[in-house]
Amino acid sequence: SVQAGGSLRLSCVASGYIYSINCMAWFRQAPGKER
């Protein structure tokens, strides 16, 4: 949770079958909205 104007840094770590990964992406879904 942050105030408007603030910053956050998100991280994602992949494991398992990772050798064929090309694209990595971030998506988001807000309440009542589509992803």
PDB file of all heavy atoms in Angstrom:
ATOM      1  N   SER A   1       0.835  -1.193   0.000  1.00  0.00           N
ATOM      2  CA  SER A   1       0.000   0.000   0.000  1.00  0.00           C
ATOM      3  C   SER A   1       0.871   1.245   0.000  1.00  0.00           C
ATOM      4  O   SER A   1       1.801   1.360   0.803  1.00  0.00           O
ATOM      5  CB  SER A   1      -0.915   0.019   1.224  1.00  0.00           C
ATOM      6  OG  SER A   1      -1.782  -1.102   1.229  1.00  0.00           O
ATOM      7  N   VAL A   2       0.568   2.162  -0.905  1.00  0.00           N
ATOM      8  CA  VAL A   2       1.334   3.399  -1.012  1.00  0.00           C
ATOM      9  C   VAL A   2       0.394   4.564  -1.273  1.00  0.00           C
ATOM     10  O   VAL A   2      -0.743   4.386  -1.718  1.00  0.00           O
ATOM     11  CB  VAL A   2       2.389   3.349  -2.135  1.00  0.00           C
ATOM     12  CG1 VAL A   2       3.431   2.278  -1.851  1.00  0.00           C
ATOM     13  CG2 VAL A   2       1.723   3.101  -3.483  1.00  0.00           C
ATOM     14  N   GLN A   3       0.895   5.755  -1.007  1.00  0.00           N
ATOM     15  CA  GLN A   3       0.173   6.970  -1.342  1.00  0.00           C
ATOM     16  C   GLN A   3       0.348   7.299  -2.813  1.00  0.00           C
ATOM     17  O   GLN A   3       1.358   6.936  -3.431  1.00  0.00           O
ATOM     18  CB  GLN A   3       0.678   8.138  -0.501  1.00  0.00           C
ATOM     19  CG  GLN A   3       0.355   8.045   0.974  1.00  0.00           C
ATOM     20  CD  GLN A   3      -1.116   8.267   1.242  1.00  0.00           C
ATOM     21  OE1 GLN A   3      -1.830   7.361   1.655  1.00  0.00           O
ATOM     22  NE2 GLN A   3      -1.587   9.475   0.998  1.00  0.00           N
ATOM     23  N   ALA A   4      -0.624   7.983  -3.378  1.00  0.00           N
ATOM     24  CA  ALA A   4      -0.498   8.447  -4.751  1.00  0.00           C
ATOM     25  C   ALA A   4       0.786   9.251  -4.917  1.00  0.00           C
ATOM     26  O   ALA A   4       1.139  10.058  -4.062  1.00  0.00           O
ATOM     27  CB  ALA A   4      -1.702   9.284  -5.137  1.00  0.00           C
ATOM     28  N   GLY A   5       1.468   9.002  -6.017  1.00  0.00           N
ATOM     29  CA  GLY A   5       2.750   9.630  -6.263  1.00  0.00           C
ATOM     30  C   GLY A   5       3.931   8.821  -5.795  1.00  0.00           C
ATOM     31  O   GLY A   5       5.079   9.139  -6.142  1.00  0.00           O
ATOM     32  N   GLY A   6       3.679   7.776  -5.030  1.00  0.00           N
ATOM     33  CA  GLY A   6       4.740   6.940  -4.514  1.00  0.00           C
ATOM     34  C   GLY A   6       5.195   5.893  -5.506  1.00  0.00           C
ATOM     35  O   GLY A   6       4.755   5.853  -6.660  1.00  0.00           O
ATOM     36  N   SER A   7       6.071   5.020  -5.034  1.00  0.00           N
ATOM     37  CA  SER A   7       6.681   4.007  -5.890  1.00  0.00           C
ATOM     38  C   SER A   7       6.663   2.641  -5.236  1.00  0.00           C
ATOM     39  O   SER A   7       6.662   2.514  -4.008  1.00  0.00           O
ATOM     40  CB  SER A   7       8.141   4.368  -6.193  1.00  0.00           C
ATOM     41  OG  SER A   7       8.246   5.596  -6.894  1.00  0.00           O
ATOM     42  N   LEU A   8       6.641   1.629  -6.069  1.00  0.00           N
ATOM     43  CA  LEU A   8       6.808   0.249  -5.645  1.00  0.00           C
ATOM     44  C   LEU A   8       7.629  -0.477  -6.696  1.00  0.00           C
ATOM     45  O   LEU A   8       7.606  -0.107  -7.876  1.00  0.00           O
ATOM     46  CB  LEU A   8       5.469  -0.468  -5.491  1.00  0.00           C
ATOM     47  CG  LEU A   8       4.616  -0.162  -4.267  1.00  0.00           C
ATOM     48  CD1 LEU A   8       3.262  -0.848  -4.409  1.00  0.00           C
ATOM     49  CD2 LEU A   8       5.305  -0.621  -2.997  1.00  0.00           C
ATOM     50  N   ARG A   9       8.310  -1.512  -6.266  1.00  0.00           N
ATOM     51  CA  ARG A   9       9.043  -2.363  -7.192  1.00  0.00           C
ATOM     52  C   ARG A   9       8.574  -3.797  -7.001  1.00  0.00           C
ATOM     53  O   ARG A   9       8.735  -4.369  -5.918  1.00  0.00           O
ATOM     54  CB  ARG A   9      10.550  -2.263  -6.963  1.00  0.00           C
ATOM     55  CG  ARG A   9      11.380  -3.070  -7.967  1.00  0.00           C
ATOM     56  CD  ARG A   9      12.859  -2.751  -7.838  1.00  0.00           C
ATOM     57  NE  ARG A   9      13.698  -3.561  -8.700  1.00  0.00           N
ATOM     58  CZ  ARG A   9      13.951  -3.301  -9.979  1.00  0.00           C
ATOM     59  NH1 ARG A   9      13.399  -2.226 -10.557  1.00  0.00           N
ATOM     60  NH2 ARG A   9      14.738  -4.094 -10.692  1.00  0.00           N
ATOM     61  N   LEU A  10       8.004  -4.356  -8.039  1.00  0.00           N
ATOM     62  CA  LEU A  10       7.529  -5.722  -8.012  1.00  0.00           C
ATOM     63  C   LEU A  10       8.581  -6.657  -8.574  1.00  0.00           C
ATOM     64  O   LEU A  10       9.319  -6.302  -9.498  1.00  0.00           O
ATOM     65  CB  LEU A  10       6.248  -5.869  -8.839  1.00  0.00           C
ATOM     66  CG  LEU A  10       5.091  -4.932  -8.504  1.00  0.00           C
ATOM     67  CD1 LEU A  10       3.889  -5.287  -9.357  1.00  0.00           C
ATOM     68  CD2 LEU A  10       4.754  -4.986  -7.023  1.00  0.00           C
ATOM     69  N   SER A  11       8.626  -7.855  -8.029  1.00  0.00           N
ATOM     70  CA  SER A  11       9.546  -8.874  -8.502  1.00  0.00           C
ATOM     71  C   SER A  11       8.782 -10.148  -8.806  1.00  0.00           C
ATOM     72  O   SER A  11       7.742 -10.432  -8.210  1.00  0.00           O
ATOM     73  CB  SER A  11      10.627  -9.174  -7.456  1.00  0.00           C
ATOM     74  OG  SER A  11      11.412  -8.033  -7.186  1.00  0.00           O
ATOM     75  N   CYS A  12       9.305 -10.915  -9.725  1.00  0.00           N
ATOM     76  CA  CYS A  12       8.749 -12.213 -10.078  1.00  0.00           C
ATOM     77  C   CYS A  12       9.909 -13.146 -10.347  1.00  0.00           C
ATOM     78  O   CYS A  12      10.818 -12.809 -11.111  1.00  0.00           O
ATOM     79  CB  CYS A  12       7.857 -12.089 -11.317  1.00  0.00           C
ATOM     80  SG  CYS A  12       7.330 -13.659 -12.038  1.00  0.00           S
ATOM     81  N   VAL A  13       9.874 -14.308  -9.730  1.00  0.00           N
ATOM     82  CA  VAL A  13      10.908 -15.309  -9.933  1.00  0.00           C
ATOM     83  C   VAL A  13      10.278 -16.550 -10.546  1.00  0.00           C
ATOM     84  O   VAL A  13       9.272 -17.054 -10.042  1.00  0.00           O
ATOM     85  CB  VAL A  13      11.617 -15.663  -8.618  1.00  0.00           C
ATOM     86  CG1 VAL A  13      12.659 -16.750  -8.852  1.00  0.00           C
ATOM     87  CG2 VAL A  13      12.282 -14.423  -8.035  1.00  0.00           C
ATOM     88  N   ALA A  14      10.880 -17.024 -11.615  1.00  0.00           N
ATOM     89  CA  ALA A  14      10.389 -18.201 -12.312  1.00  0.00           C
ATOM     90  C   ALA A  14      11.222 -19.423 -11.953  1.00  0.00           C
ATOM     91  O   ALA A  14      12.445 -19.340 -11.806  1.00  0.00           O
ATOM     92  CB  ALA A  14      10.428 -17.981 -13.822  1.00  0.00           C
ATOM     93  N   SER A  15      10.547 -20.549 -11.825  1.00  0.00           N
ATOM     94  CA  SER A  15      11.219 -21.813 -11.580  1.00  0.00           C
ATOM     95  C   SER A  15      10.492 -22.910 -12.345  1.00  0.00           C
ATOM     96  O   SER A  15       9.490 -22.660 -12.999  1.00  0.00           O
ATOM     97  CB  SER A  15      11.266 -22.133 -10.083  1.00  0.00           C
ATOM     98  OG  SER A  15       9.960 -22.250  -9.549  1.00  0.00           O
ATOM     99  N   GLY A  16      11.010 -24.127 -12.255  1.00  0.00           N
ATOM    100  CA  GLY A  16      10.420 -25.219 -12.999  1.00  0.00           C
ATOM    101  C   GLY A  16      10.905 -25.221 -14.436  1.00  0.00           C
ATOM    102  O   GLY A  16      12.090 -25.043 -14.691  1.00  0.00           O
ATOM    103  N   TYR A  17       9.978 -25.393 -15.369  1.00  0.00           N
ATOM    104  CA  TYR A  17      10.333 -25.434 -16.774  1.00  0.00           C
ATOM    105  C   TYR A  17      10.472 -24.022 -17.299  1.00  0.00           C
ATOM    106  O   TYR A  17       9.490 -23.378 -17.675  1.00  0.00           O
ATOM    107  CB  TYR A  17       9.293 -26.204 -17.584  1.00  0.00           C
ATOM    108  CG  TYR A  17       9.724 -26.457 -19.000  1.00  0.00           C
ATOM    109  CD1 TYR A  17      10.663 -27.440 -19.300  1.00  0.00           C
ATOM    110  CD2 TYR A  17       9.209 -25.702 -20.045  1.00  0.00           C
ATOM    111  CE1 TYR A  17      11.071 -27.663 -20.594  1.00  0.00           C
ATOM    112  CE2 TYR A  17       9.615 -25.914 -21.349  1.00  0.00           C
ATOM    113  CZ  TYR A  17      10.551 -26.903 -21.620  1.00  0.00           C
ATOM    114  OH  TYR A  17      10.954 -27.126 -22.914  1.00  0.00           O
ATOM    115  N   ILE A  18      11.696 -23.532 -17.341  1.00  0.00           N
ATOM    116  CA  ILE A  18      11.964 -22.138 -17.676  1.00  0.00           C
ATOM    117  C   ILE A  18      12.789 -21.971 -18.933  1.00  0.00           C
ATOM    118  O   ILE A  18      12.989 -20.846 -19.389  1.00  0.00           O
ATOM    119  CB  ILE A  18      12.695 -21.432 -16.516  1.00  0.00           C
ATOM    120  CG1 ILE A  18      14.032 -22.132 -16.239  1.00  0.00           C
ATOM    121  CG2 ILE A  18      11.810 -21.408 -15.273  1.00  0.00           C
ATOM    122  CD1 ILE A  18      14.883 -21.447 -15.201  1.00  0.00           C
ATOM    123  N   TYR A  19      13.238 -23.059 -19.511  1.00  0.00           N
ATOM    124  CA  TYR A  19      14.234 -22.968 -20.577  1.00  0.00           C
ATOM    125  C   TYR A  19      13.698 -22.414 -21.883  1.00  0.00           C
ATOM    126  O   TYR A  19      14.473 -21.897 -22.685  1.00  0.00           O
ATOM    127  CB  TYR A  19      14.874 -24.333 -20.796  1.00  0.00           C
ATOM    128  CG  TYR A  19      15.504 -24.879 -19.552  1.00  0.00           C
ATOM    129  CD1 TYR A  19      14.887 -25.888 -18.821  1.00  0.00           C
ATOM    130  CD2 TYR A  19      16.706 -24.363 -19.081  1.00  0.00           C
ATOM    131  CE1 TYR A  19      15.459 -26.371 -17.660  1.00  0.00           C
ATOM    132  CE2 TYR A  19      17.281 -24.840 -17.925  1.00  0.00           C
ATOM    133  CZ  TYR A  19      16.654 -25.847 -17.215  1.00  0.00           C
ATOM    134  OH  TYR A  19      17.230 -26.322 -16.060  1.00  0.00           O
ATOM    135  N   SER A  20      12.424 -22.521 -22.119  1.00  0.00           N
ATOM    136  CA  SER A  20      11.837 -22.052 -23.362  1.00  0.00           C
ATOM    137  C   SER A  20      11.157 -20.692 -23.233  1.00  0.00           C
ATOM    138  O   SER A  20      10.517 -20.236 -24.172  1.00  0.00           O
ATOM    139  CB  SER A  20      10.821 -23.075 -23.884  1.00  0.00           C
ATOM    140  OG  SER A  20      11.460 -24.299 -24.200  1.00  0.00           O
ATOM    141  N   ILE A  21      11.286 -20.060 -22.100  1.00  0.00           N
ATOM    142  CA  ILE A  21      10.625 -18.776 -21.890  1.00  0.00           C
ATOM    143  C   ILE A  21      11.221 -17.716 -22.799  1.00  0.00           C
ATOM    144  O   ILE A  21      12.430 -17.539 -22.858  1.00  0.00           O
ATOM    145  CB  ILE A  21      10.731 -18.330 -20.427  1.00  0.00           C
ATOM    146  CG1 ILE A  21       9.912 -19.244 -19.531  1.00  0.00           C
ATOM    147  CG2 ILE A  21      10.268 -16.883 -20.276  1.00  0.00           C
ATOM    148  CD1 ILE A  21      10.101 -18.971 -18.054  1.00  0.00           C
ATOM    149  N   ASN A  22      10.372 -17.024 -23.497  1.00  0.00           N
ATOM    150  CA  ASN A  22      10.774 -15.846 -24.247  1.00  0.00           C
ATOM    151  C   ASN A  22      10.236 -14.593 -23.576  1.00  0.00           C
ATOM    152  O   ASN A  22      10.990 -13.776 -23.056  1.00  0.00           O
ATOM    153  CB  ASN A  22      10.291 -15.920 -25.691  1.00  0.00           C
ATOM    154  CG  ASN A  22      10.632 -14.662 -26.478  1.00  0.00           C
ATOM    155  OD1 ASN A  22      11.577 -13.939 -26.149  1.00  0.00           O
ATOM    156  ND2 ASN A  22       9.869 -14.388 -27.525  1.00  0.00           N
ATOM    157  N   CYS A  23       8.917 -14.473 -23.569  1.00  0.00           N
ATOM    158  CA  CYS A  23       8.289 -13.273 -23.037  1.00  0.00           C
ATOM    159  C   CYS A  23       8.029 -13.383 -21.549  1.00  0.00           C
ATOM    160  O   CYS A  23       7.582 -14.415 -21.053  1.00  0.00           O
ATOM    161  CB  CYS A  23       6.971 -13.009 -23.749  1.00  0.00           C
ATOM    162  SG  CYS A  23       7.111 -12.865 -25.544  1.00  0.00           S
ATOM    163  N   MET A  24       8.279 -12.309 -20.847  1.00  0.00           N
ATOM    164  CA  MET A  24       7.857 -12.158 -19.470  1.00  0.00           C
ATOM    165  C   MET A  24       7.067 -10.860 -19.400  1.00  0.00           C
ATOM    166  O   MET A  24       7.455  -9.863 -20.011  1.00  0.00           O
ATOM    167  CB  MET A  24       9.053 -12.114 -18.520  1.00  0.00           C
ATOM    168  CG  MET A  24       9.938 -13.345 -18.600  1.00  0.00           C
ATOM    169  SD  MET A  24      11.245 -13.403 -17.334  1.00  0.00           S
ATOM    170  CE  MET A  24      10.286 -13.914 -15.895  1.00  0.00           C
ATOM    171  N   ALA A  25       5.981 -10.893 -18.680  1.00  0.00           N
ATOM    172  CA  ALA A  25       5.080  -9.750 -18.708  1.00  0.00           C
ATOM    173  C   ALA A  25       4.380  -9.556 -17.370  1.00  0.00           C
ATOM    174  O   ALA A  25       4.275 -10.478 -16.559  1.00  0.00           O
ATOM    175  CB  ALA A  25       4.028  -9.923 -19.806  1.00  0.00           C
ATOM    176  N   TRP A  26       3.913  -8.352 -17.176  1.00  0.00           N
ATOM    177  CA  TRP A  26       3.062  -8.014 -16.047  1.00  0.00           C
ATOM    178  C   TRP A  26       1.667  -7.680 -16.545  1.00  0.00           C
ATOM    179  O   TRP A  26       1.495  -6.943 -17.527  1.00  0.00           O
ATOM    180  CB  TRP A  26       3.610  -6.816 -15.275  1.00  0.00           C
ATOM    181  CG  TRP A  26       4.874  -7.097 -14.541  1.00  0.00           C
ATOM    182  CD1 TRP A  26       6.142  -6.801 -14.934  1.00  0.00           C
ATOM    183  CD2 TRP A  26       4.986  -7.735 -13.262  1.00  0.00           C
ATOM    184  NE1 TRP A  26       7.051  -7.215 -13.992  1.00  0.00           N
ATOM    185  CE2 TRP A  26       6.362  -7.789 -12.953  1.00  0.00           C
ATOM    186  CE3 TRP A  26       4.060  -8.253 -12.354  1.00  0.00           C
ATOM    187  CZ2 TRP A  26       6.841  -8.348 -11.768  1.00  0.00           C
ATOM    188  CZ3 TRP A  26       4.533  -8.814 -11.183  1.00  0.00           C
ATOM    189  CH2 TRP A  26       5.904  -8.863 -10.897  1.00  0.00           C
ATOM    190  N   PHE A  27       0.693  -8.223 -15.861  1.00  0.00           N
ATOM    191  CA  PHE A  27      -0.704  -7.900 -16.072  1.00  0.00           C
ATOM    192  C   PHE A  27      -1.286  -7.417 -14.756  1.00  0.00           C
ATOM    193  O   PHE A  27      -0.699  -7.626 -13.695  1.00  0.00           O
ATOM    194  CB  PHE A  27      -1.475  -9.118 -16.576  1.00  0.00           C
ATOM    195  CG  PHE A  27      -1.115  -9.532 -17.970  1.00  0.00           C
ATOM    196  CD1 PHE A  27       0.039 -10.249 -18.218  1.00  0.00           C
ATOM    197  CD2 PHE A  27      -1.929  -9.197 -19.039  1.00  0.00           C
ATOM    198  CE1 PHE A  27       0.383 -10.632 -19.506  1.00  0.00           C
ATOM    199  CE2 PHE A  27      -1.600  -9.573 -20.330  1.00  0.00           C
ATOM    200  CZ  PHE A  27      -0.452 -10.282 -20.566  1.00  0.00           C
ATOM    201  N   ARG A  28      -2.429  -6.795 -14.840  1.00  0.00           N
ATOM    202  CA  ARG A  28      -3.095  -6.382 -13.615  1.00  0.00           C
ATOM    203  C   ARG A  28      -4.597  -6.508 -13.779  1.00  0.00           C
ATOM    204  O   ARG A  28      -5.127  -6.460 -14.884  1.00  0.00           O
ATOM    205  CB  ARG A  28      -2.723  -4.948 -13.223  1.00  0.00           C
ATOM    206  CG  ARG A  28      -3.267  -3.879 -14.150  1.00  0.00           C
ATOM    207  CD  ARG A  28      -2.751  -2.514 -13.738  1.00  0.00           C
ATOM    208  NE  ARG A  28      -3.364  -1.440 -14.506  1.00  0.00           N
ATOM    209  CZ  ARG A  28      -3.020  -0.166 -14.400  1.00  0.00           C
ATOM    210  NH1 ARG A  28      -2.064   0.210 -13.555  1.00  0.00           N
ATOM    211  NH2 ARG A  28      -3.639   0.746 -15.151  1.00  0.00           N
ATOM    212  N   GLN A  29      -5.260  -6.664 -12.651  1.00  0.00           N
ATOM    213  CA  GLN A  29      -6.703  -6.735 -12.650  1.00  0.00           C
ATOM    214  C   GLN A  29      -7.231  -5.942 -11.463  1.00  0.00           C
ATOM    215  O   GLN A  29      -6.980  -6.288 -10.307  1.00  0.00           O
ATOM    216  CB  GLN A  29      -7.198  -8.178 -12.587  1.00  0.00           C
ATOM    217  CG  GLN A  29      -8.688  -8.305 -12.795  1.00  0.00           C
ATOM    218  CD  GLN A  29      -9.116  -9.725 -13.116  1.00  0.00           C
ATOM    219  OE1 GLN A  29      -8.377 -10.680 -12.861  1.00  0.00           O
ATOM    220  NE2 GLN A  29     -10.289  -9.872 -13.685  1.00  0.00           N
ATOM    221  N   ALA A  30      -7.935  -4.877 -11.765  1.00  0.00           N
ATOM    222  CA  ALA A  30      -8.542  -4.037 -10.748  1.00  0.00           C
ATOM    223  C   ALA A  30      -9.940  -4.544 -10.438  1.00  0.00           C
ATOM    224  O   ALA A  30     -10.557  -5.246 -11.250  1.00  0.00           O
ATOM    225  CB  ALA A  30      -8.602  -2.590 -11.229  1.00  0.00           C
ATOM    226  N   PRO A  31     -10.470  -4.199  -9.269  1.00  0.00           N
ATOM    227  CA  PRO A  31     -11.824  -4.631  -8.922  1.00  0.00           C
ATOM    228  C   PRO A  31     -12.841  -4.218  -9.981  1.00  0.00           C
ATOM    229  O   PRO A  31     -12.896  -3.055 -10.380  1.00  0.00           O
ATOM    230  CB  PRO A  31     -12.088  -3.919  -7.599  1.00  0.00           C
ATOM    231  CG  PRO A  31     -10.728  -3.724  -7.005  1.00  0.00           C
ATOM    232  CD  PRO A  31      -9.840  -3.433  -8.181  1.00  0.00           C
ATOM    233  N   GLY A  32     -13.626  -5.169 -10.439  1.00  0.00           N
ATOM    234  CA  GLY A  32     -14.651  -4.894 -11.426  1.00  0.00           C
ATOM    235  C   GLY A  32     -14.147  -4.688 -12.835  1.00  0.00           C
ATOM    236  O   GLY A  32     -14.940  -4.333 -13.717  1.00  0.00           O
ATOM    237  N   LYS A  33     -12.864  -4.897 -13.067  1.00  0.00           N
ATOM    238  CA  LYS A  33     -12.277  -4.680 -14.379  1.00  0.00           C
ATOM    239  C   LYS A  33     -11.733  -5.974 -14.963  1.00  0.00           C
ATOM    240  O   LYS A  33     -11.493  -6.949 -14.244  1.00  0.00           O
ATOM    241  CB  LYS A  33     -11.137  -3.656 -14.294  1.00  0.00           C
ATOM    242  CG  LYS A  33     -11.529  -2.312 -13.721  1.00  0.00           C
ATOM    243  CD  LYS A  33     -12.420  -1.545 -14.666  1.00  0.00           C
ATOM    244  CE  LYS A  33     -12.683  -0.147 -14.136  1.00  0.00           C
ATOM    245  NZ  LYS A  33     -13.556   0.627 -15.056  1.00  0.00           N
ATOM    246  N   GLU A  34     -11.537  -5.970 -16.270  1.00  0.00           N
ATOM    247  CA  GLU A  34     -10.906  -7.093 -16.939  1.00  0.00           C
ATOM    248  C   GLU A  34      -9.399  -7.042 -16.715  1.00  0.00           C
ATOM    249  O   GLU A  34      -8.819  -5.980 -16.473  1.00  0.00           O
ATOM    250  CB  GLU A  34     -11.203  -7.056 -18.434  1.00  0.00           C
ATOM    251  CG  GLU A  34     -12.665  -7.207 -18.798  1.00  0.00           C
ATOM    252  CD  GLU A  34     -13.179  -8.594 -18.508  1.00  0.00           C
ATOM    253  OE1 GLU A  34     -12.418  -9.565 -18.691  1.00  0.00           O
ATOM    254  OE2 GLU A  34     -14.346  -8.710 -18.100  1.00  0.00           O
ATOM    255  N   ARG A  35      -8.776  -8.198 -16.799  1.00  0.00           N
ATOM    256  CA  ARG A  35      -7.328  -8.249 -16.713  1.00  0.00           C
ATOM    257  C   ARG A  35      -6.729  -7.534 -17.914  1.00  0.00           C
ATOM    258  O   ARG A  35      -7.168  -7.729 -19.053  1.00  0.00           O
ATOM    259  CB  ARG A  35      -6.850  -9.698 -16.658  1.00  0.00           C
ATOM    260  CG  ARG A  35      -5.366  -9.836 -16.403  1.00  0.00           C
ATOM    261  CD  ARG A  35      -4.986 -11.282 -16.120  1.00  0.00           C
ATOM    262  NE  ARG A  35      -5.641 -11.773 -14.924  1.00  0.00           N
ATOM    263  CZ  ARG A  35      -5.353 -12.933 -14.342  1.00  0.00           C
ATOM    264  NH1 ARG A  35      -4.409 -13.713 -14.837  1.00  0.00           N
ATOM    265  NH2 ARG A  35      -6.018 -13.306 -13.265  1.00  0.00           N
TER     266      ARG A  35
END
